[in-house]
Amino acid sequence: MLDNTAPAAALLGGPVADPAVYVGKADLDAPGEQGWLLGHFRPSGDPRHSADVEIKWGRHPKGDRRAQWVTGEQRTALLILISGRFHVELPDRTVVLTEPGDYVVWGKGVDHSWLAEQESVVLTVRWPSVAGYKVPQPE
């Protein structure tokens, strides 16, 4: 049985009493998958594995820019500003998120990129979770 009175730090880092439950810390878990906490790329059997949805915790330093535009997008996405000032670049305009809770949704077929005008934290949810969209890491 999970002790709900235990400090969260004591529960972090993996499955707890129930293997279908994962307790984590976004700032620790996100860097291993370029910020993505949940999606098809997590191992089968991990509660964070999903073919239906992906969730990303993005910490971006001032001036951080996506390495390349996403083209031919086949998913729908929601990006929510947690803190900072963040630009979502779309083919016909740039959306500037300025206050916590500001968000933008774009659908299938919408090319996009982004820029962190200030140090920013954003939460991105996209669906479905599709293999093959990972941006290559610089060597």
C-alpha atoms as a PDB file:
ATOM      1  CA  MET A   1       0.000   0.000   0.000  1.00  0.00           C
ATOM      2  CA  LEU A   2       1.304   3.442  -0.934  1.00  0.00           C
ATOM      3  CA  ASP A   3       1.836   5.770   2.006  1.00  0.00           C
ATOM      4  CA  ASN A   4       0.286   9.026   0.832  1.00  0.00           C
ATOM      5  CA  THR A   5       1.782  10.818   3.825  1.00  0.00           C
ATOM      6  CA  ALA A   6       5.364  10.132   2.661  1.00  0.00           C
ATOM      7  CA  PRO A   7       7.218  13.148   1.299  1.00  0.00           C
ATOM      8  CA  ALA A   8       7.040  13.277  -2.494  1.00  0.00           C
ATOM      9  CA  ALA A   9      10.836  13.099  -2.701  1.00  0.00           C
ATOM     10  CA  ALA A  10      10.715   9.658  -1.077  1.00  0.00           C
ATOM     11  CA  LEU A  11       8.445   8.419  -3.883  1.00  0.00           C
ATOM     12  CA  LEU A  12      10.326   9.827  -6.869  1.00  0.00           C
ATOM     13  CA  GLY A  13      12.164   7.946  -9.517  1.00  0.00           C
ATOM     14  CA  GLY A  14      10.004   5.098 -10.599  1.00  0.00           C
ATOM     15  CA  PRO A  15       7.266   2.651  -9.890  1.00  0.00           C
ATOM     16  CA  VAL A  16       6.083   2.528  -6.308  1.00  0.00           C
ATOM     17  CA  ALA A  17       3.773  -0.007  -4.592  1.00  0.00           C
ATOM     18  CA  ASP A  18       1.841  -0.553  -7.840  1.00  0.00           C
ATOM     19  CA  PRO A  19       3.852  -1.112 -11.073  1.00  0.00           C
ATOM     20  CA  ALA A  20       1.088   0.717 -12.961  1.00  0.00           C
ATOM     21  CA  VAL A  21       1.975   3.906 -11.045  1.00  0.00           C
ATOM     22  CA  TYR A  22       5.027   6.051 -11.702  1.00  0.00           C
ATOM     23  CA  VAL A  23       5.926   9.002  -9.486  1.00  0.00           C
ATOM     24  CA  GLY A  24       8.481  11.341 -10.965  1.00  0.00           C
ATOM     25  CA  LYS A  25       9.914  14.813 -11.126  1.00  0.00           C
ATOM     26  CA  ALA A  26       9.669  16.445 -14.542  1.00  0.00           C
ATOM     27  CA  ASP A  27      12.984  18.278 -14.228  1.00  0.00           C
ATOM     28  CA  LEU A  28      14.780  14.979 -13.558  1.00  0.00           C
ATOM     29  CA  ASP A  29      12.905  12.686 -15.959  1.00  0.00           C
ATOM     30  CA  ALA A  30      12.498  15.001 -18.957  1.00  0.00           C
ATOM     31  CA  PRO A  31      16.111  15.469 -20.147  1.00  0.00           C
ATOM     32  CA  GLY A  32      16.503  11.787 -21.068  1.00  0.00           C
ATOM     33  CA  GLU A  33      13.966  12.089 -23.910  1.00  0.00           C
ATOM     34  CA  GLN A  34      14.483  15.719 -24.976  1.00  0.00           C
ATOM     35  CA  GLY A  35      11.821  16.745 -22.478  1.00  0.00           C
ATOM     36  CA  TRP A  36       9.229  14.109 -23.325  1.00  0.00           C
ATOM     37  CA  LEU A  37       7.805  12.479 -20.205  1.00  0.00           C
ATOM     38  CA  LEU A  38       5.192  10.223 -21.758  1.00  0.00           C
ATOM     39  CA  GLY A  39       4.777   8.607 -25.184  1.00  0.00           C
ATOM     40  CA  HIS A  40       5.539   5.672 -27.470  1.00  0.00           C
ATOM     41  CA  PHE A  41       9.287   5.969 -26.767  1.00  0.00           C
ATOM     42  CA  ARG A  42       8.987   4.799 -23.146  1.00  0.00           C
ATOM     43  CA  PRO A  43       9.456   1.037 -22.627  1.00  0.00           C
ATOM     44  CA  SER A  44       6.412  -1.234 -22.785  1.00  0.00           C
ATOM     45  CA  GLY A  45       5.171  -1.917 -19.279  1.00  0.00           C
ATOM     46  CA  ASP A  46       6.230   1.547 -18.077  1.00  0.00           C
ATOM     47  CA  PRO A  47       3.087   3.521 -17.119  1.00  0.00           C
ATOM     48  CA  ARG A  48       4.556   6.414 -19.148  1.00  0.00           C
ATOM     49  CA  HIS A  49       4.373   4.361 -22.371  1.00  0.00           C
ATOM     50  CA  SER A  50       1.520   5.460 -24.647  1.00  0.00           C
ATOM     51  CA  ALA A  51       0.708   5.272 -28.337  1.00  0.00           C
ATOM     52  CA  ASP A  52      -2.157   7.700 -27.785  1.00  0.00           C
ATOM     53  CA  VAL A  53      -0.528  10.823 -26.368  1.00  0.00           C
ATOM     54  CA  GLU A  54       2.837  12.471 -25.659  1.00  0.00           C
ATOM     55  CA  ILE A  55       3.568  14.968 -22.890  1.00  0.00           C
ATOM     56  CA  LYS A  56       6.645  17.188 -22.742  1.00  0.00           C
ATOM     57  CA  TRP A  57       8.052  19.337 -19.935  1.00  0.00           C
ATOM     58  CA  GLY A  58      10.159  21.911 -21.726  1.00  0.00           C
ATOM     59  CA  ARG A  59      12.681  24.139 -19.925  1.00  0.00           C
ATOM     60  CA  HIS A  60      14.147  26.593 -22.398  1.00  0.00           C
ATOM     61  CA  PRO A  61      16.884  29.159 -21.778  1.00  0.00           C
ATOM     62  CA  LYS A  62      16.472  32.635 -23.235  1.00  0.00           C
ATOM     63  CA  GLY A  63      17.117  32.523 -26.983  1.00  0.00           C
ATOM     64  CA  ASP A  64      16.581  28.766 -27.310  1.00  0.00           C
ATOM     65  CA  ARG A  65      15.138  27.961 -30.733  1.00  0.00           C
ATOM     66  CA  ARG A  66      13.884  24.704 -32.221  1.00  0.00           C
ATOM     67  CA  ALA A  67      16.631  23.205 -34.387  1.00  0.00           C
ATOM     68  CA  GLN A  68      14.378  22.937 -37.443  1.00  0.00           C
ATOM     69  CA  TRP A  69      10.771  23.523 -38.441  1.00  0.00           C
ATOM     70  CA  VAL A  70       8.375  20.595 -38.088  1.00  0.00           C
ATOM     71  CA  THR A  71       6.856  20.000 -41.525  1.00  0.00           C
ATOM     72  CA  GLY A  72       4.180  17.544 -42.547  1.00  0.00           C
ATOM     73  CA  GLU A  73       2.899  17.294 -38.975  1.00  0.00           C
ATOM     74  CA  GLN A  74       0.440  14.431 -38.491  1.00  0.00           C
ATOM     75  CA  ARG A  75      -0.559  15.159 -34.895  1.00  0.00           C
ATOM     76  CA  THR A  76      -2.543  17.720 -32.954  1.00  0.00           C
ATOM     77  CA  ALA A  77      -0.675  19.638 -30.249  1.00  0.00           C
ATOM     78  CA  LEU A  78      -1.404  21.856 -27.264  1.00  0.00           C
ATOM     79  CA  LEU A  79       1.377  24.022 -25.802  1.00  0.00           C
ATOM     80  CA  ILE A  80       0.784  25.789 -22.461  1.00  0.00           C
ATOM     81  CA  LEU A  81       3.076  28.466 -21.040  1.00  0.00           C
ATOM     82  CA  ILE A  82       4.025  27.773 -17.417  1.00  0.00           C
ATOM     83  CA  SER A  83       6.510  30.650 -17.086  1.00  0.00           C
ATOM     84  CA  GLY A  84       8.524  33.030 -19.256  1.00  0.00           C
ATOM     85  CA  ARG A  85       7.739  34.407 -22.710  1.00  0.00           C
ATOM     86  CA  PHE A  86       7.536  31.944 -25.604  1.00  0.00           C
ATOM     87  CA  HIS A  87       6.898  32.256 -29.353  1.00  0.00           C
ATOM     88  CA  VAL A  88       5.160  29.536 -31.372  1.00  0.00           C
ATOM     89  CA  GLU A  89       5.935  30.149 -35.029  1.00  0.00           C
ATOM     90  CA  LEU A  90       3.272  29.049 -37.504  1.00  0.00           C
ATOM     91  CA  PRO A  91       3.238  29.452 -41.303  1.00  0.00           C
ATOM     92  CA  ASP A  92       1.004  32.537 -41.303  1.00  0.00           C
ATOM     93  CA  ARG A  93       1.828  34.124 -37.940  1.00  0.00           C
ATOM     94  CA  THR A  94       3.730  33.952 -34.679  1.00  0.00           C
ATOM     95  CA  VAL A  95       1.794  33.446 -31.453  1.00  0.00           C
ATOM     96  CA  VAL A  96       3.472  35.039 -28.419  1.00  0.00           C
ATOM     97  CA  LEU A  97       2.583  33.462 -25.074  1.00  0.00           C
ATOM     98  CA  THR A  98       3.191  36.005 -22.310  1.00  0.00           C
ATOM     99  CA  GLU A  99       1.269  34.966 -19.179  1.00  0.00           C
ATOM    100  CA  PRO A 100       1.188  31.648 -17.318  1.00  0.00           C
ATOM    101  CA  GLY A 101      -1.694  29.630 -18.694  1.00  0.00           C
ATOM    102  CA  ASP A 102      -1.582  31.172 -22.185  1.00  0.00           C
ATOM    103  CA  TYR A 103      -1.801  28.379 -24.737  1.00  0.00           C
ATOM    104  CA  VAL A 104      -2.014  27.550 -28.422  1.00  0.00           C
ATOM    105  CA  VAL A 105      -3.426  24.486 -30.176  1.00  0.00           C
ATOM    106  CA  TRP A 106      -2.546  23.480 -33.723  1.00  0.00           C
ATOM    107  CA  GLY A 107      -3.821  20.571 -35.758  1.00  0.00           C
ATOM    108  CA  LYS A 108      -2.604  18.078 -38.295  1.00  0.00           C
ATOM    109  CA  GLY A 109      -0.769  19.559 -41.238  1.00  0.00           C
ATOM    110  CA  VAL A 110       0.317  22.754 -39.445  1.00  0.00           C
ATOM    111  CA  ASP A 111       4.072  23.316 -39.753  1.00  0.00           C
ATOM    112  CA  HIS A 112       5.624  24.978 -36.714  1.00  0.00           C
ATOM    113  CA  SER A 113       8.712  26.029 -34.811  1.00  0.00           C
ATOM    114  CA  TRP A 114       9.348  27.913 -31.570  1.00  0.00           C
ATOM    115  CA  LEU A 115      11.602  30.415 -29.799  1.00  0.00           C
ATOM    116  CA  ALA A 116      12.054  31.169 -26.098  1.00  0.00           C
ATOM    117  CA  GLU A 117      12.178  34.976 -25.908  1.00  0.00           C
ATOM    118  CA  GLN A 118      12.838  34.686 -22.166  1.00  0.00           C
ATOM    119  CA  GLU A 119      13.790  31.720 -20.023  1.00  0.00           C
ATOM    120  CA  SER A 120      10.597  29.668 -20.271  1.00  0.00           C
ATOM    121  CA  VAL A 121       8.855  26.535 -19.083  1.00  0.00           C
ATOM    122  CA  VAL A 122       6.166  25.053 -21.336  1.00  0.00           C
ATOM    123  CA  LEU A 123       4.019  21.940 -21.178  1.00  0.00           C
ATOM    124  CA  THR A 124       3.244  20.319 -24.527  1.00  0.00           C
ATOM    125  CA  VAL A 125       0.645  17.630 -25.137  1.00  0.00           C
ATOM    126  CA  ARG A 126       0.389  16.057 -28.580  1.00  0.00           C
ATOM    127  CA  TRP A 127      -1.593  13.187 -29.980  1.00  0.00           C
ATOM    128  CA  PRO A 128      -1.327  10.530 -31.183  1.00  0.00           C
ATOM    129  CA  SER A 129       2.175   9.418 -30.190  1.00  0.00           C
ATOM    130  CA  VAL A 130       3.907   8.584 -33.475  1.00  0.00           C
ATOM    131  CA  ALA A 131       7.436   7.261 -33.910  1.00  0.00           C
ATOM    132  CA  GLY A 132       9.816   9.044 -36.277  1.00  0.00           C
ATOM    133  CA  TYR A 133       9.489  12.713 -35.333  1.00  0.00           C
ATOM    134  CA  LYS A 134      12.522  13.023 -33.066  1.00  0.00           C
ATOM    135  CA  VAL A 135      14.864  15.876 -33.956  1.00  0.00           C
ATOM    136  CA  PRO A 136      18.420  14.549 -34.311  1.00  0.00           C
ATOM    137  CA  GLN A 137      20.763  15.606 -31.508  1.00  0.00           C
ATOM    138  CA  PRO A 138      23.792  17.675 -32.538  1.00  0.00           C
ATOM    139  CA  GLU A 139      26.993  15.651 -32.535  1.00  0.00           C
END
